[in-house]
Amino acid sequence: MVKTITMYEGGLRCSMVHEPSGAQFSTDAPVDNNGKGESFSPTDLVGAALAG
C-alpha cells in the first residue's frame, strides 16, 4: 500500500503528500460548510476519483 501523509492545517483545510512521488495537494471545506472554498473539497475528490 502506498504511504500518504495528511496534515490538518486548521480552518477546515488539510494538505496531503503522496510519499513515493512527492506530489502534494490540499483540500478545503466548501463555503456552505464554513470553509473558504479555495481548493477541492473532500467530496469533490471522491467524485473525481470515481470518474477517473
N, C-alpha and C. Protein backbone atom coordinates (compact mmCIF):
# COMPACT_ATOMS: atom_id res chain seq x y z
N MET A 1 0.85 -1.19 0.00
CA MET A 1 0.00 0.00 0.00
C MET A 1 0.89 1.24 0.00
N VAL A 2 0.48 2.23 -0.76
CA VAL A 2 1.24 3.49 -0.87
C VAL A 2 1.04 4.32 0.39
N LYS A 3 2.12 4.91 0.87
CA LYS A 3 2.04 5.75 2.06
C LYS A 3 1.73 7.19 1.66
N THR A 4 0.76 7.76 2.36
CA THR A 4 0.44 9.18 2.20
C THR A 4 0.48 9.84 3.57
N ILE A 5 0.71 11.11 3.57
CA ILE A 5 0.75 11.88 4.82
C ILE A 5 -0.32 12.97 4.70
N THR A 6 -1.18 13.06 5.70
CA THR A 6 -2.21 14.09 5.74
C THR A 6 -2.00 14.95 6.97
N MET A 7 -2.01 16.27 6.77
CA MET A 7 -1.82 17.20 7.88
C MET A 7 -3.00 18.16 7.94
N TYR A 8 -3.61 18.27 9.10
CA TYR A 8 -4.68 19.24 9.30
C TYR A 8 -4.04 20.59 9.55
N GLU A 9 -4.41 21.60 8.76
CA GLU A 9 -3.79 22.91 8.86
C GLU A 9 -4.67 23.92 9.59
N GLY A 10 -5.82 23.50 10.06
CA GLY A 10 -6.74 24.40 10.72
C GLY A 10 -7.68 25.04 9.72
N GLY A 11 -8.77 25.59 10.21
CA GLY A 11 -9.72 26.27 9.34
C GLY A 11 -10.37 25.34 8.32
N LEU A 12 -10.51 24.06 8.68
CA LEU A 12 -11.13 23.06 7.81
C LEU A 12 -10.33 22.80 6.53
N ARG A 13 -9.01 22.94 6.62
CA ARG A 13 -8.12 22.72 5.48
C ARG A 13 -7.09 21.65 5.83
N CYS A 14 -6.83 20.76 4.87
CA CYS A 14 -5.81 19.72 5.03
C CYS A 14 -4.87 19.74 3.84
N SER A 15 -3.65 19.28 4.07
CA SER A 15 -2.71 19.09 2.96
C SER A 15 -2.26 17.63 2.97
N MET A 16 -2.05 17.09 1.79
CA MET A 16 -1.67 15.70 1.63
C MET A 16 -0.41 15.58 0.79
N VAL A 17 0.40 14.58 1.12
CA VAL A 17 1.61 14.28 0.36
C VAL A 17 1.58 12.80 0.00
N HIS A 18 1.81 12.50 -1.28
CA HIS A 18 1.95 11.14 -1.78
C HIS A 18 3.44 10.83 -1.70
N GLU A 19 3.81 9.98 -0.74
CA GLU A 19 5.24 9.80 -0.46
C GLU A 19 6.08 9.32 -1.63
N PRO A 20 5.65 8.31 -2.39
CA PRO A 20 6.54 7.84 -3.45
C PRO A 20 6.90 8.92 -4.49
N SER A 21 5.95 9.77 -4.84
CA SER A 21 6.20 10.77 -5.88
C SER A 21 6.49 12.16 -5.33
N GLY A 22 6.09 12.41 -4.09
CA GLY A 22 6.25 13.74 -3.52
C GLY A 22 5.16 14.72 -3.96
N ALA A 23 4.18 14.21 -4.73
CA ALA A 23 3.08 15.08 -5.18
C ALA A 23 2.29 15.57 -3.96
N GLN A 24 1.83 16.82 -4.03
CA GLN A 24 1.11 17.42 -2.92
C GLN A 24 -0.16 18.09 -3.41
N PHE A 25 -1.18 18.12 -2.56
CA PHE A 25 -2.37 18.91 -2.83
C PHE A 25 -3.05 19.22 -1.51
N SER A 26 -4.02 20.10 -1.54
CA SER A 26 -4.74 20.45 -0.32
C SER A 26 -6.24 20.38 -0.57
N THR A 27 -6.97 20.23 0.50
CA THR A 27 -8.43 20.25 0.44
C THR A 27 -8.91 21.39 1.33
N ASP A 28 -10.08 21.88 1.00
CA ASP A 28 -10.68 22.96 1.77
C ASP A 28 -12.18 22.72 1.81
N ALA A 29 -12.78 22.90 2.95
CA ALA A 29 -14.23 22.75 3.05
C ALA A 29 -14.91 23.82 2.20
N PRO A 30 -16.05 23.48 1.60
CA PRO A 30 -16.77 24.49 0.82
C PRO A 30 -17.33 25.60 1.69
N VAL A 31 -17.64 26.72 1.08
CA VAL A 31 -18.15 27.88 1.80
C VAL A 31 -19.43 27.53 2.57
N ASP A 32 -20.30 26.71 1.96
CA ASP A 32 -21.56 26.37 2.64
C ASP A 32 -21.35 25.44 3.83
N ASN A 33 -20.12 24.96 4.04
CA ASN A 33 -19.77 24.18 5.23
C ASN A 33 -18.75 24.91 6.09
N ASN A 34 -18.75 26.23 6.02
CA ASN A 34 -17.89 27.10 6.83
C ASN A 34 -16.42 27.04 6.46
N GLY A 35 -16.11 26.59 5.25
CA GLY A 35 -14.74 26.62 4.76
C GLY A 35 -14.54 27.84 3.87
N LYS A 36 -13.35 27.93 3.29
CA LYS A 36 -13.05 29.04 2.39
C LYS A 36 -13.35 28.71 0.94
N GLY A 37 -13.50 27.43 0.62
CA GLY A 37 -13.80 27.02 -0.74
C GLY A 37 -12.70 27.35 -1.73
N GLU A 38 -11.45 27.39 -1.28
CA GLU A 38 -10.32 27.79 -2.13
C GLU A 38 -9.62 26.62 -2.81
N SER A 39 -10.09 25.40 -2.57
CA SER A 39 -9.49 24.22 -3.17
C SER A 39 -10.55 23.14 -3.28
N PHE A 40 -10.16 21.97 -3.78
CA PHE A 40 -11.08 20.85 -3.82
C PHE A 40 -11.60 20.54 -2.43
N SER A 41 -12.88 20.19 -2.33
CA SER A 41 -13.40 19.68 -1.07
C SER A 41 -13.17 18.17 -1.07
N PRO A 42 -13.21 17.54 0.10
CA PRO A 42 -13.07 16.08 0.12
C PRO A 42 -14.13 15.38 -0.75
N THR A 43 -15.36 15.88 -0.77
CA THR A 43 -16.38 15.25 -1.61
C THR A 43 -16.11 15.48 -3.10
N ASP A 44 -15.52 16.62 -3.47
CA ASP A 44 -15.09 16.83 -4.86
C ASP A 44 -14.10 15.74 -5.27
N LEU A 45 -13.17 15.42 -4.38
CA LEU A 45 -12.16 14.43 -4.70
C LEU A 45 -12.74 13.04 -4.83
N VAL A 46 -13.75 12.71 -4.03
CA VAL A 46 -14.40 11.40 -4.16
C VAL A 46 -15.05 11.30 -5.53
N GLY A 47 -15.76 12.33 -5.94
CA GLY A 47 -16.38 12.33 -7.26
C GLY A 47 -15.36 12.22 -8.37
N ALA A 48 -14.27 12.96 -8.26
CA ALA A 48 -13.22 12.90 -9.28
C ALA A 48 -12.56 11.52 -9.33
N ALA A 49 -12.36 10.90 -8.17
CA ALA A 49 -11.76 9.56 -8.12
C ALA A 49 -12.68 8.53 -8.78
N LEU A 50 -13.98 8.64 -8.52
CA LEU A 50 -14.92 7.71 -9.15
C LEU A 50 -14.97 7.92 -10.66
N ALA A 51 -14.88 9.15 -11.11
CA ALA A 51 -14.90 9.44 -12.55
C ALA A 51 -13.63 8.94 -13.22
N GLY A 52 -12.52 8.96 -12.47
CA GLY A 52 -11.24 8.54 -13.03
C GLY A 52 -11.11 7.05 -13.12
